[in-house]
Protein backbone atom coordinates (compact mmCIF):
# COMPACT_ATOMS: atom_id res chain seq x y z
CA MET A 1 -19.96 9.36 -4.35
CA ILE A 2 -19.07 6.22 -2.47
CA GLU A 3 -17.55 6.02 1.01
CA TYR A 4 -15.67 3.08 2.46
CA SER A 5 -14.37 2.94 6.05
CA MET A 6 -11.52 0.74 7.19
CA ILE A 7 -8.85 0.31 9.86
CA VAL A 8 -5.22 0.84 8.81
CA THR A 9 -3.29 -2.33 9.68
CA ALA A 10 0.14 -1.37 8.35
CA PRO A 11 2.60 -1.76 11.25
CA SER A 12 4.20 1.65 10.55
CA GLY A 13 1.01 3.37 9.40
CA LEU A 14 0.92 5.42 6.22
CA HIS A 15 4.47 6.73 5.97
CA THR A 16 6.35 7.96 2.88
CA ARG A 17 6.43 4.79 0.76
CA PRO A 18 2.76 3.81 1.19
CA CYS A 19 1.67 7.42 0.64
CA ALA A 20 3.69 7.51 -2.58
CA GLN A 21 2.02 4.29 -3.75
CA LEU A 22 -1.44 5.65 -2.99
CA CYS A 23 -0.68 8.93 -4.76
CA HIS A 24 0.67 7.13 -7.82
CA PHE A 25 -2.51 5.04 -7.96
CA ALA A 26 -4.79 8.06 -7.47
CA LYS A 27 -3.09 10.15 -10.16
CA ASN A 28 -4.09 7.53 -12.74
CA TYR A 29 -7.76 8.11 -11.92
CA SER A 30 -9.59 11.08 -13.42
CA GLY A 31 -12.13 11.34 -10.58
CA GLN A 32 -11.72 12.47 -6.98
CA ILE A 33 -10.25 10.18 -4.32
CA GLU A 34 -10.07 11.46 -0.77
CA MET A 35 -9.11 9.98 2.58
CA ALA A 36 -10.66 11.30 5.77
CA ARG A 37 -9.99 10.75 9.46
CA GLY A 38 -12.03 12.69 11.97
CA ASP A 39 -12.24 16.29 10.82
CA LYS A 40 -9.19 16.02 8.53
CA SER A 41 -9.25 14.99 4.89
CA ALA A 42 -6.75 14.82 2.05
CA ASN A 43 -6.87 14.36 -1.68
CA LEU A 44 -4.96 11.14 -2.43
CA LYS A 45 -3.31 12.90 -5.36
CA SER A 46 -1.42 15.11 -2.86
CA MET A 47 1.27 13.14 -1.05
CA PHE A 48 2.07 16.08 1.25
CA LYS A 49 -1.54 16.42 2.44
CA LEU A 50 -1.89 12.66 2.87
CA MET A 51 1.29 12.43 4.96
CA SER A 52 0.25 15.44 7.06
CA MET A 53 -2.73 13.44 8.35
CA GLY A 54 -0.33 11.28 10.41
CA ILE A 55 -2.25 8.04 9.91
CA LYS A 56 -0.94 5.31 12.19
CA ASN A 57 -1.62 1.62 12.67
CA GLY A 58 -5.08 1.01 14.15
CA MET A 59 -6.62 4.29 13.00
CA GLU A 60 -9.93 4.28 11.15
CA VAL A 61 -10.03 6.11 7.83
CA THR A 62 -12.77 6.76 5.30
CA ILE A 63 -12.07 6.57 1.59
CA ARG A 64 -14.32 8.76 -0.56
CA VAL A 65 -14.43 8.27 -4.32
CA GLU A 66 -16.34 10.30 -6.86
CA GLY A 67 -16.34 9.61 -10.60
CA GLU A 68 -16.38 6.60 -12.90
CA ASN A 69 -16.11 3.12 -11.38
CA GLU A 70 -16.37 4.49 -7.83
CA LYS A 71 -16.93 1.14 -6.16
CA GLU A 72 -14.03 -0.57 -7.92
CA ILE A 73 -11.65 2.31 -7.23
CA ALA A 74 -12.62 2.44 -3.53
CA GLN A 75 -12.04 -1.30 -3.26
CA SER A 76 -8.67 -1.00 -5.00
CA VAL A 77 -7.54 1.78 -2.64
CA ALA A 78 -8.67 -0.26 0.37
CA GLU A 79 -6.80 -3.30 -0.97
CA LEU A 80 -3.63 -1.21 -1.41
CA ILE A 81 -3.91 -0.03 2.19
CA ARG A 82 -4.58 -3.55 3.49
CA ASN A 83 -1.48 -4.90 1.73
CA ILE A 84 0.99 -2.39 3.20
CA ARG A 85 3.43 -4.40 5.31
CA ASP A 86 6.34 -2.06 6.02
């Protein structure tokens, strides 16, 4: 398992559209991808759970990836989050 921490910089945080993009990406990966913040965590393949975390601009999140190509997948998820602009 690999963990990667980052700060969400999207002005509106992780709302419906970014969560849908993350879920679509995660569903194409056979391993586990999870996002955690504090004591909450969500499987990225579940848009409802991801949105229920209420992640806003400036919050720190941890991406956890388990399976093949962990490092590359974690970097791709982080890049998706960094590029959210709406």
